[in-house]
Amino acid sequence: MALRQNSDKEPLIELFIKAGHDGENVGNCPFCQRLFMVLWLKGVKFTVTTVDMRKKPAELKDLAPGTNPPFLLYDGTLKTDFIKIEEFLEQTLAPPRYPHLSPLNKESFDVGADIFAKFSAFIKNSPNNTFHEKNLLREFKRLDDYLNSPLPQEIDHNSRENIVISKRNFLDGNHLTLADCNLLPKLHVIKIAAKKYCNFDIPVQFVGVWKYLQNAAEREEFSQTCPADIEIEKAYFRVPGTIVLREKWIKVVHPCLLTLNRALSILYLCR
C-alpha cells in the first residue's frame, strides 16, 4: 500500500551523487543517475549535491560515515541503500500527487538485467574478448527483440490490425518508468566506454535499441542527468583491459612512454 504525504507541504529532499573529476559536475555513477531520474520524473522539488570522493567534506563524513553516493536526505532522515531509496520514493511519492513509475510488465525490468555484467567482462578482457563480445551482443539482441515486440497493452484483440512491430518509445510504453531509470544510465556508459576503449559500436541492425536511445536523448530527465562523456572515459581509464590496449599503442608509437604510463598507473592507484 502506498504511503501518502500527510499534508500539502513538499518534503525536503536532498540527493547526494558522485562528483566528476573537477569535484563539482556530475560524475560517472549509473546508480546516482538512476535516482536522479526517478526524482525528476516524480516532479517533486529536490536539491542535488555532488560529492568529491577525493576530499569528502567533513560535514558529509559526519552525515554518512563510510557511505559512498548515492544517498538521500528525506525530511532530515538519511537513506543509503539505493534500491531501498527507489522503493521508498515510489511508495511515498505516490498518486494522485505524484506519478506512479513502476512498469506494468515485469519483463521490462528483466530484459536488461545482464547487459552491464556482460559489458564489464567484455571491457576487462580487451583486446582478446571475442567470447565476451558475443555474450554482450546476445544481450543486445535480447533487448532489441523485446523493444520491437508489442507489449500486451499494445494489442487490441478486437481489432483486425495485426501489430508486428511495437510503436512504443520506451521499455514499458510511451512513458519512462523505473525500468528505464535502471537501464538507460548503464546503456549510456556502455555506448561511451566500449567505443572509446574497444572500438565497439552498438550494431545498427539493432533498430529497436537505437530508437530507444534516441527517444531517451530527447527527454531531459535522461539527457540532463548524464555525466559528460569524458567522465565515463576517465572512469574506465584504469580498467585492466583498457590499460593493455593503451600499452600496445604506446609500444608502437613510442616505446619509451611505456614505463611512464606504468609509473602513472602506480601513482594513481596509490592516491
C-alpha atoms as a PDB file:
ATOM      1  CA  MET A   1       0.000   0.000   0.000  1.00  0.00           C
ATOM      2  CA  ALA A   2       1.327   3.434  -0.928  1.00  0.00           C
ATOM      3  CA  LEU A   3       2.469   5.728   1.846  1.00  0.00           C
ATOM      4  CA  ARG A   4       0.781   9.093   1.341  1.00  0.00           C
ATOM      5  CA  GLN A   5       2.022  12.504   2.328  1.00  0.00           C
ATOM      6  CA  ASN A   6       0.213  13.734   5.428  1.00  0.00           C
ATOM      7  CA  SER A   7      -0.010  17.326   4.229  1.00  0.00           C
ATOM      8  CA  ASP A   8       0.309  19.532   1.191  1.00  0.00           C
ATOM      9  CA  LYS A   9       3.781  20.516   2.310  1.00  0.00           C
ATOM     10  CA  GLU A  10       6.543  19.444  -0.061  1.00  0.00           C
ATOM     11  CA  PRO A  11       9.094  17.081   1.508  1.00  0.00           C
ATOM     12  CA  LEU A  12      12.659  18.334   1.873  1.00  0.00           C
ATOM     13  CA  ILE A  13      14.768  16.116  -0.358  1.00  0.00           C
ATOM     14  CA  GLU A  14      18.497  16.298  -0.984  1.00  0.00           C
ATOM     15  CA  LEU A  15      20.190  13.772  -3.256  1.00  0.00           C
ATOM     16  CA  PHE A  16      23.935  13.252  -2.901  1.00  0.00           C
ATOM     17  CA  ILE A  17      25.672  11.955  -6.016  1.00  0.00           C
ATOM     18  CA  LYS A  18      29.241  11.316  -7.098  1.00  0.00           C
ATOM     19  CA  ALA A  19      31.090  14.368  -8.413  1.00  0.00           C
ATOM     20  CA  GLY A  20      33.162  14.359 -11.573  1.00  0.00           C
ATOM     21  CA  HIS A  21      36.919  14.757 -11.800  1.00  0.00           C
ATOM     22  CA  ASP A  22      36.552  18.526 -11.379  1.00  0.00           C
ATOM     23  CA  GLY A  23      34.926  17.924  -7.993  1.00  0.00           C
ATOM     24  CA  GLU A  24      31.740  19.753  -8.972  1.00  0.00           C
ATOM     25  CA  ASN A  25      29.920  18.414 -12.015  1.00  0.00           C
ATOM     26  CA  VAL A  26      28.062  15.107 -12.290  1.00  0.00           C
ATOM     27  CA  GLY A  27      30.388  12.099 -12.170  1.00  0.00           C
ATOM     28  CA  ASN A  28      30.129   8.630 -13.647  1.00  0.00           C
ATOM     29  CA  CYS A  29      27.728   6.625 -11.476  1.00  0.00           C
ATOM     30  CA  PRO A  30      24.755   4.805 -13.071  1.00  0.00           C
ATOM     31  CA  PHE A  31      23.147   4.317  -9.654  1.00  0.00           C
ATOM     32  CA  CYS A  32      23.334   8.053  -8.933  1.00  0.00           C
ATOM     33  CA  GLN A  33      21.776   8.873 -12.285  1.00  0.00           C
ATOM     34  CA  ARG A  34      19.084   6.270 -11.653  1.00  0.00           C
ATOM     35  CA  LEU A  35      17.857   8.090  -8.524  1.00  0.00           C
ATOM     36  CA  PHE A  36      18.358  11.496 -10.171  1.00  0.00           C
ATOM     37  CA  MET A  37      15.993  10.397 -12.957  1.00  0.00           C
ATOM     38  CA  VAL A  38      13.434   8.974 -10.513  1.00  0.00           C
ATOM     39  CA  LEU A  39      13.186  12.236  -8.576  1.00  0.00           C
ATOM     40  CA  TRP A  40      12.979  14.284 -11.790  1.00  0.00           C
ATOM     41  CA  LEU A  41      10.204  12.068 -13.158  1.00  0.00           C
ATOM     42  CA  LYS A  42       8.291  12.290  -9.878  1.00  0.00           C
ATOM     43  CA  GLY A  43       8.088  16.055 -10.349  1.00  0.00           C
ATOM     44  CA  VAL A  44       9.000  16.731  -6.722  1.00  0.00           C
ATOM     45  CA  LYS A  45      11.224  19.596  -5.629  1.00  0.00           C
ATOM     46  CA  PHE A  46      14.691  18.419  -4.621  1.00  0.00           C
ATOM     47  CA  THR A  47      18.288  19.549  -4.496  1.00  0.00           C
ATOM     48  CA  VAL A  48      21.349  17.710  -5.764  1.00  0.00           C
ATOM     49  CA  THR A  49      24.753  17.834  -4.074  1.00  0.00           C
ATOM     50  CA  THR A  50      27.796  16.407  -5.836  1.00  0.00           C
ATOM     51  CA  VAL A  51      30.326  14.742  -3.541  1.00  0.00           C
ATOM     52  CA  ASP A  52      34.029  14.871  -4.387  1.00  0.00           C
ATOM     53  CA  MET A  53      35.186  11.393  -3.357  1.00  0.00           C
ATOM     54  CA  ARG A  54      38.827  12.520  -3.153  1.00  0.00           C
ATOM     55  CA  LYS A  55      38.116  15.052  -0.417  1.00  0.00           C
ATOM     56  CA  LYS A  56      34.778  14.288   1.156  1.00  0.00           C
ATOM     57  CA  PRO A  57      33.639  17.338   3.174  1.00  0.00           C
ATOM     58  CA  ALA A  58      33.749  16.952   6.953  1.00  0.00           C
ATOM     59  CA  GLU A  59      30.010  17.551   7.291  1.00  0.00           C
ATOM     60  CA  LEU A  60      29.282  14.676   4.910  1.00  0.00           C
ATOM     61  CA  LYS A  61      31.641  12.371   6.797  1.00  0.00           C
ATOM     62  CA  ASP A  62      29.530  13.045   9.880  1.00  0.00           C
ATOM     63  CA  LEU A  63      26.277  12.668   7.927  1.00  0.00           C
ATOM     64  CA  ALA A  64      27.054   9.360   6.232  1.00  0.00           C
ATOM     65  CA  PRO A  65      30.333   7.907   7.563  1.00  0.00           C
ATOM     66  CA  GLY A  66      31.744   5.198   5.321  1.00  0.00           C
ATOM     67  CA  THR A  67      28.965   5.673   2.767  1.00  0.00           C
ATOM     68  CA  ASN A  68      29.523   6.391  -0.896  1.00  0.00           C
ATOM     69  CA  PRO A  69      26.965   8.143  -3.110  1.00  0.00           C
ATOM     70  CA  PRO A  70      24.196   7.887  -3.912  1.00  0.00           C
ATOM     71  CA  PHE A  71      22.449   8.599  -0.638  1.00  0.00           C
ATOM     72  CA  LEU A  72      19.451  10.714   0.252  1.00  0.00           C
ATOM     73  CA  LEU A  73      18.148  13.021   2.952  1.00  0.00           C
ATOM     74  CA  TYR A  74      14.355  12.905   3.124  1.00  0.00           C
ATOM     75  CA  ASP A  75      12.923  15.363   5.644  1.00  0.00           C
ATOM     76  CA  GLY A  76      16.163  15.019   7.601  1.00  0.00           C
ATOM     77  CA  THR A  77      16.218  11.213   7.563  1.00  0.00           C
ATOM     78  CA  LEU A  78      19.256   9.606   5.933  1.00  0.00           C
ATOM     79  CA  LYS A  79      18.720   6.779   3.446  1.00  0.00           C
ATOM     80  CA  THR A  80      21.730   4.985   1.982  1.00  0.00           C
ATOM     81  CA  ASP A  81      20.701   1.843   0.053  1.00  0.00           C
ATOM     82  CA  PHE A  82      19.872   2.993  -3.484  1.00  0.00           C
ATOM     83  CA  ILE A  83      17.443   0.133  -4.174  1.00  0.00           C
ATOM     84  CA  LYS A  84      15.576   0.789  -0.926  1.00  0.00           C
ATOM     85  CA  ILE A  85      15.651   4.528  -1.707  1.00  0.00           C
ATOM     86  CA  GLU A  86      13.969   3.873  -5.037  1.00  0.00           C
ATOM     87  CA  GLU A  87      11.329   1.669  -3.405  1.00  0.00           C
ATOM     88  CA  PHE A  88      10.731   4.295  -0.707  1.00  0.00           C
ATOM     89  CA  LEU A  89      10.301   7.098  -3.253  1.00  0.00           C
ATOM     90  CA  GLU A  90       7.880   5.028  -5.331  1.00  0.00           C
ATOM     91  CA  GLN A  91       5.766   4.235  -2.263  1.00  0.00           C
ATOM     92  CA  THR A  92       5.936   7.642  -0.606  1.00  0.00           C
ATOM     93  CA  LEU A  93       5.714   9.963  -3.604  1.00  0.00           C
ATOM     94  CA  ALA A  94       2.553   8.263  -4.788  1.00  0.00           C
ATOM     95  CA  PRO A  95      -0.559   9.177  -6.828  1.00  0.00           C
ATOM     96  CA  PRO A  96      -2.580  11.277  -7.056  1.00  0.00           C
ATOM     97  CA  ARG A  97       0.030  13.917  -6.256  1.00  0.00           C
ATOM     98  CA  TYR A  98       2.998  12.172  -7.859  1.00  0.00           C
ATOM     99  CA  PRO A  99       3.115   9.770 -10.826  1.00  0.00           C
ATOM    100  CA  HIS A 100       3.388   6.024 -10.488  1.00  0.00           C
ATOM    101  CA  LEU A 101       6.662   4.871 -12.121  1.00  0.00           C
ATOM    102  CA  SER A 102       6.617   1.089 -11.712  1.00  0.00           C
ATOM    103  CA  PRO A 103       6.379  -0.734 -15.060  1.00  0.00           C
ATOM    104  CA  LEU A 104       3.280  -2.767 -15.869  1.00  0.00           C
ATOM    105  CA  ASN A 105       5.307  -5.655 -17.250  1.00  0.00           C
ATOM    106  CA  LYS A 106       7.908  -7.489 -15.160  1.00  0.00           C
ATOM    107  CA  GLU A 107       9.819  -8.310 -18.354  1.00  0.00           C
ATOM    108  CA  SER A 108      10.577  -4.602 -18.799  1.00  0.00           C
ATOM    109  CA  PHE A 109      12.805  -4.827 -15.723  1.00  0.00           C
ATOM    110  CA  ASP A 110      14.239  -8.246 -16.506  1.00  0.00           C
ATOM    111  CA  VAL A 111      15.266  -7.744 -20.133  1.00  0.00           C
ATOM    112  CA  GLY A 112      18.377  -5.667 -19.443  1.00  0.00           C
ATOM    113  CA  ALA A 113      19.388  -7.334 -16.188  1.00  0.00           C
ATOM    114  CA  ASP A 114      22.596  -8.940 -17.501  1.00  0.00           C
ATOM    115  CA  ILE A 115      23.766  -6.449 -20.103  1.00  0.00           C
ATOM    116  CA  PHE A 116      26.027  -4.398 -17.816  1.00  0.00           C
ATOM    117  CA  ALA A 117      27.727  -7.503 -16.401  1.00  0.00           C
ATOM    118  CA  LYS A 118      28.423  -8.721 -19.946  1.00  0.00           C
ATOM    119  CA  PHE A 119      29.844  -5.313 -20.835  1.00  0.00           C
ATOM    120  CA  SER A 120      32.106  -5.339 -17.765  1.00  0.00           C
ATOM    121  CA  ALA A 121      33.519  -8.741 -18.738  1.00  0.00           C
ATOM    122  CA  PHE A 122      33.948  -7.515 -22.316  1.00  0.00           C
ATOM    123  CA  ILE A 123      35.940  -4.379 -21.493  1.00  0.00           C
ATOM    124  CA  LYS A 124      38.058  -6.013 -18.767  1.00  0.00           C
ATOM    125  CA  ASN A 125      39.213  -8.716 -21.169  1.00  0.00           C
ATOM    126  CA  SER A 126      40.130  -6.462 -24.084  1.00  0.00           C
ATOM    127  CA  PRO A 127      41.595  -6.979 -26.600  1.00  0.00           C
ATOM    128  CA  ASN A 128      41.154 -10.788 -26.507  1.00  0.00           C
ATOM    129  CA  ASN A 129      37.446 -10.555 -25.854  1.00  0.00           C
ATOM    130  CA  THR A 130      35.698 -12.267 -28.780  1.00  0.00           C
ATOM    131  CA  PHE A 131      33.856 -14.626 -26.437  1.00  0.00           C
ATOM    132  CA  HIS A 132      32.698 -11.775 -24.202  1.00  0.00           C
ATOM    133  CA  GLU A 133      31.731  -9.656 -27.206  1.00  0.00           C
ATOM    134  CA  LYS A 134      29.418 -12.441 -28.395  1.00  0.00           C
ATOM    135  CA  ASN A 135      27.829 -12.560 -24.940  1.00  0.00           C
ATOM    136  CA  LEU A 136      27.326  -8.790 -24.967  1.00  0.00           C
ATOM    137  CA  LEU A 137      25.810  -8.879 -28.461  1.00  0.00           C
ATOM    138  CA  ARG A 138      23.471 -11.654 -27.340  1.00  0.00           C
ATOM    139  CA  GLU A 139      22.150  -9.394 -24.579  1.00  0.00           C
ATOM    140  CA  PHE A 140      21.706  -6.513 -27.022  1.00  0.00           C
ATOM    141  CA  LYS A 141      19.793  -8.856 -29.344  1.00  0.00           C
ATOM    142  CA  ARG A 142      17.545  -9.871 -26.460  1.00  0.00           C
ATOM    143  CA  LEU A 143      16.893  -6.207 -25.635  1.00  0.00           C
ATOM    144  CA  ASP A 144      16.273  -5.351 -29.283  1.00  0.00           C
ATOM    145  CA  ASP A 145      13.776  -8.195 -29.661  1.00  0.00           C
ATOM    146  CA  TYR A 146      11.897  -7.019 -26.587  1.00  0.00           C
ATOM    147  CA  LEU A 147      11.750  -3.395 -27.731  1.00  0.00           C
ATOM    148  CA  ASN A 148      10.471  -4.457 -31.145  1.00  0.00           C
ATOM    149  CA  SER A 149       7.841  -6.847 -29.782  1.00  0.00           C
ATOM    150  CA  PRO A 150       4.408  -5.345 -28.989  1.00  0.00           C
ATOM    151  CA  LEU A 151       3.501  -5.239 -25.311  1.00  0.00           C
ATOM    152  CA  PRO A 152       0.197  -6.806 -24.199  1.00  0.00           C
ATOM    153  CA  GLN A 153      -1.345  -3.350 -23.792  1.00  0.00           C
ATOM    154  CA  GLU A 154      -0.500  -2.525 -27.426  1.00  0.00           C
ATOM    155  CA  ILE A 155      -2.545  -5.429 -28.772  1.00  0.00           C
ATOM    156  CA  ASP A 156      -6.249  -4.864 -29.367  1.00  0.00           C
ATOM    157  CA  HIS A 157      -7.821  -8.297 -29.682  1.00  0.00           C
ATOM    158  CA  ASN A 158     -10.988  -6.729 -31.102  1.00  0.00           C
ATOM    159  CA  SER A 159      -9.093  -5.096 -33.950  1.00  0.00           C
ATOM    160  CA  ARG A 160      -8.310  -6.671 -37.312  1.00  0.00           C
ATOM    161  CA  GLU A 161      -4.982  -4.843 -37.403  1.00  0.00           C
ATOM    162  CA  ASN A 162      -2.083  -7.172 -36.670  1.00  0.00           C
ATOM    163  CA  ILE A 163       0.669  -5.250 -34.869  1.00  0.00           C
ATOM    164  CA  VAL A 164       4.008  -6.865 -35.671  1.00  0.00           C
ATOM    165  CA  ILE A 165       6.457  -4.161 -34.548  1.00  0.00           C
ATOM    166  CA  SER A 166       5.967  -2.187 -31.345  1.00  0.00           C
ATOM    167  CA  LYS A 167       5.442   1.553 -31.708  1.00  0.00           C
ATOM    168  CA  ARG A 168       6.289   2.401 -28.108  1.00  0.00           C
ATOM    169  CA  ASN A 169       9.100   4.785 -27.142  1.00  0.00           C
ATOM    170  CA  PHE A 170      10.455   3.120 -24.023  1.00  0.00           C
ATOM    171  CA  LEU A 171      10.743  -0.237 -22.284  1.00  0.00           C
ATOM    172  CA  ASP A 172       7.232  -0.391 -20.874  1.00  0.00           C
ATOM    173  CA  GLY A 173       5.303   2.028 -23.082  1.00  0.00           C
ATOM    174  CA  ASN A 174       5.443   5.676 -24.058  1.00  0.00           C
ATOM    175  CA  HIS A 175       6.366   6.892 -20.580  1.00  0.00           C
ATOM    176  CA  LEU A 176       9.652   6.491 -18.736  1.00  0.00           C
ATOM    177  CA  THR A 177       9.426   4.077 -15.810  1.00  0.00           C
ATOM    178  CA  LEU A 178      11.719   2.718 -13.105  1.00  0.00           C
ATOM    179  CA  ALA A 179      12.878   0.123 -15.633  1.00  0.00           C
ATOM    180  CA  ASP A 180      14.230   2.896 -17.868  1.00  0.00           C
ATOM    181  CA  CYS A 181      15.843   4.681 -14.917  1.00  0.00           C
ATOM    182  CA  ASN A 182      17.716   1.461 -14.237  1.00  0.00           C
ATOM    183  CA  LEU A 183      18.769   0.573 -17.797  1.00  0.00           C
ATOM    184  CA  LEU A 184      19.399   3.853 -19.627  1.00  0.00           C
ATOM    185  CA  PRO A 185      22.339   5.037 -17.449  1.00  0.00           C
ATOM    186  CA  LYS A 186      24.028   1.662 -17.997  1.00  0.00           C
ATOM    187  CA  LEU A 187      23.464   1.746 -21.758  1.00  0.00           C
ATOM    188  CA  HIS A 188      24.963   5.229 -21.862  1.00  0.00           C
ATOM    189  CA  VAL A 189      28.112   4.020 -20.095  1.00  0.00           C
ATOM    190  CA  ILE A 190      28.386   1.038 -22.449  1.00  0.00           C
ATOM    191  CA  LYS A 191      27.964   3.222 -25.513  1.00  0.00           C
ATOM    192  CA  ILE A 192      30.729   5.659 -24.481  1.00  0.00           C
ATOM    193  CA  ALA A 193      33.285   3.354 -22.826  1.00  0.00           C
ATOM    194  CA  ALA A 194      33.055   0.485 -25.312  1.00  0.00           C
ATOM    195  CA  LYS A 195      33.545   2.865 -28.228  1.00  0.00           C
ATOM    196  CA  LYS A 196      36.482   4.633 -26.589  1.00  0.00           C
ATOM    197  CA  TYR A 197      38.449   1.585 -25.479  1.00  0.00           C
ATOM    198  CA  CYS A 198      37.221  -1.317 -27.645  1.00  0.00           C
ATOM    199  CA  ASN A 199      36.077   0.493 -30.803  1.00  0.00           C
ATOM    200  CA  PHE A 200      32.717  -1.185 -30.233  1.00  0.00           C
ATOM    201  CA  ASP A 201      29.503   0.330 -31.536  1.00  0.00           C
ATOM    202  CA  ILE A 202      26.020  -0.961 -30.867  1.00  0.00           C
ATOM    203  CA  PRO A 203      25.237  -2.643 -34.219  1.00  0.00           C
ATOM    204  CA  VAL A 204      22.978  -0.590 -36.495  1.00  0.00           C
ATOM    205  CA  GLN A 205      20.766  -3.622 -37.120  1.00  0.00           C
ATOM    206  CA  PHE A 206      19.516  -3.310 -33.557  1.00  0.00           C
ATOM    207  CA  VAL A 207      16.950  -0.768 -34.691  1.00  0.00           C
ATOM    208  CA  GLY A 208      14.862  -1.102 -31.552  1.00  0.00           C
ATOM    209  CA  VAL A 209      17.806  -0.282 -29.287  1.00  0.00           C
ATOM    210  CA  TRP A 210      18.823   2.755 -31.346  1.00  0.00           C
ATOM    211  CA  LYS A 211      15.257   4.043 -31.454  1.00  0.00           C
ATOM    212  CA  TYR A 212      15.085   3.610 -27.679  1.00  0.00           C
ATOM    213  CA  LEU A 213      18.314   5.558 -27.117  1.00  0.00           C
ATOM    214  CA  GLN A 214      17.216   8.338 -29.474  1.00  0.00           C
ATOM    215  CA  ASN A 215      13.859   8.673 -27.723  1.00  0.00           C
ATOM    216  CA  ALA A 216      15.637   8.806 -24.359  1.00  0.00           C
ATOM    217  CA  ALA A 217      18.037  11.501 -25.598  1.00  0.00           C
ATOM    218  CA  GLU A 218      15.036  13.724 -26.296  1.00  0.00           C
ATOM    219  CA  ARG A 219      13.923  13.544 -22.661  1.00  0.00           C
ATOM    220  CA  GLU A 220      15.604  15.960 -20.275  1.00  0.00           C
ATOM    221  CA  GLU A 221      15.134  13.550 -17.362  1.00  0.00           C
ATOM    222  CA  PHE A 222      17.773  11.428 -19.061  1.00  0.00           C
ATOM    223  CA  SER A 223      19.883  13.834 -21.107  1.00  0.00           C
ATOM    224  CA  GLN A 224      20.270  16.402 -18.314  1.00  0.00           C
ATOM    225  CA  THR A 225      21.296  13.809 -15.718  1.00  0.00           C
ATOM    226  CA  CYS A 226      24.011  12.131 -17.819  1.00  0.00           C
ATOM    227  CA  PRO A 227      27.657  12.680 -16.929  1.00  0.00           C
ATOM    228  CA  ALA A 228      29.865  14.174 -19.623  1.00  0.00           C
ATOM    229  CA  ASP A 229      31.457  11.596 -21.932  1.00  0.00           C
ATOM    230  CA  ILE A 230      34.905  12.435 -20.558  1.00  0.00           C
ATOM    231  CA  GLU A 231      33.770  11.396 -17.058  1.00  0.00           C
ATOM    232  CA  ILE A 232      32.890   7.924 -18.310  1.00  0.00           C
ATOM    233  CA  GLU A 233      36.120   7.674 -20.283  1.00  0.00           C
ATOM    234  CA  LYS A 234      38.181   8.638 -17.240  1.00  0.00           C
ATOM    235  CA  ALA A 235      36.291   6.195 -15.035  1.00  0.00           C
ATOM    236  CA  TYR A 236      37.318   3.309 -17.305  1.00  0.00           C
ATOM    237  CA  PHE A 237      40.838   4.571 -17.950  1.00  0.00           C
ATOM    238  CA  ARG A 238      42.301   2.213 -15.303  1.00  0.00           C
ATOM    239  CA  VAL A 239      40.245  -0.866 -16.167  1.00  0.00           C
ATOM    240  CA  PRO A 240      42.747  -3.723 -16.839  1.00  0.00           C
ATOM    241  CA  GLY A 241      41.663  -4.317 -20.424  1.00  0.00           C
ATOM    242  CA  THR A 242      41.965  -0.659 -21.377  1.00  0.00           C
ATOM    243  CA  ILE A 243      45.478  -0.450 -19.872  1.00  0.00           C
ATOM    244  CA  VAL A 244      46.591  -3.356 -22.088  1.00  0.00           C
ATOM    245  CA  LEU A 245      45.201  -1.615 -25.161  1.00  0.00           C
ATOM    246  CA  ARG A 246      46.982   1.644 -24.326  1.00  0.00           C
ATOM    247  CA  GLU A 247      50.285  -0.126 -23.688  1.00  0.00           C
ATOM    248  CA  LYS A 248      50.095  -1.832 -27.079  1.00  0.00           C
ATOM    249  CA  TRP A 249      49.528   1.556 -28.701  1.00  0.00           C
ATOM    250  CA  ILE A 250      52.448   3.101 -26.784  1.00  0.00           C
ATOM    251  CA  LYS A 251      54.810   0.295 -27.873  1.00  0.00           C
ATOM    252  CA  VAL A 252      54.056   1.152 -31.483  1.00  0.00           C
ATOM    253  CA  VAL A 253      54.123   4.943 -31.150  1.00  0.00           C
ATOM    254  CA  HIS A 254      56.936   5.444 -28.647  1.00  0.00           C
ATOM    255  CA  PRO A 255      58.291   2.543 -26.519  1.00  0.00           C
ATOM    256  CA  CYS A 256      59.868   4.967 -24.029  1.00  0.00           C
ATOM    257  CA  LEU A 257      56.399   6.103 -22.988  1.00  0.00           C
ATOM    258  CA  LEU A 258      55.500   2.629 -21.700  1.00  0.00           C
ATOM    259  CA  THR A 259      57.496   2.997 -18.477  1.00  0.00           C
ATOM    260  CA  LEU A 260      55.936   6.411 -17.879  1.00  0.00           C
ATOM    261  CA  ASN A 261      52.442   5.013 -18.412  1.00  0.00           C
ATOM    262  CA  ARG A 262      53.033   2.234 -15.867  1.00  0.00           C
ATOM    263  CA  ALA A 263      54.533   4.679 -13.388  1.00  0.00           C
ATOM    264  CA  LEU A 264      51.491   6.931 -13.679  1.00  0.00           C
ATOM    265  CA  SER A 265      49.219   3.931 -13.129  1.00  0.00           C
ATOM    266  CA  ILE A 266      51.066   3.071  -9.909  1.00  0.00           C
ATOM    267  CA  LEU A 267      50.859   6.665  -8.697  1.00  0.00           C
ATOM    268  CA  TYR A 268      47.123   6.717  -9.457  1.00  0.00           C
ATOM    269  CA  LEU A 269      46.483   3.524  -7.501  1.00  0.00           C
ATOM    270  CA  CYS A 270      48.446   4.865  -4.515  1.00  0.00           C
ATOM    271  CA  ARG A 271      46.388   8.072  -4.278  1.00  0.00           C
END
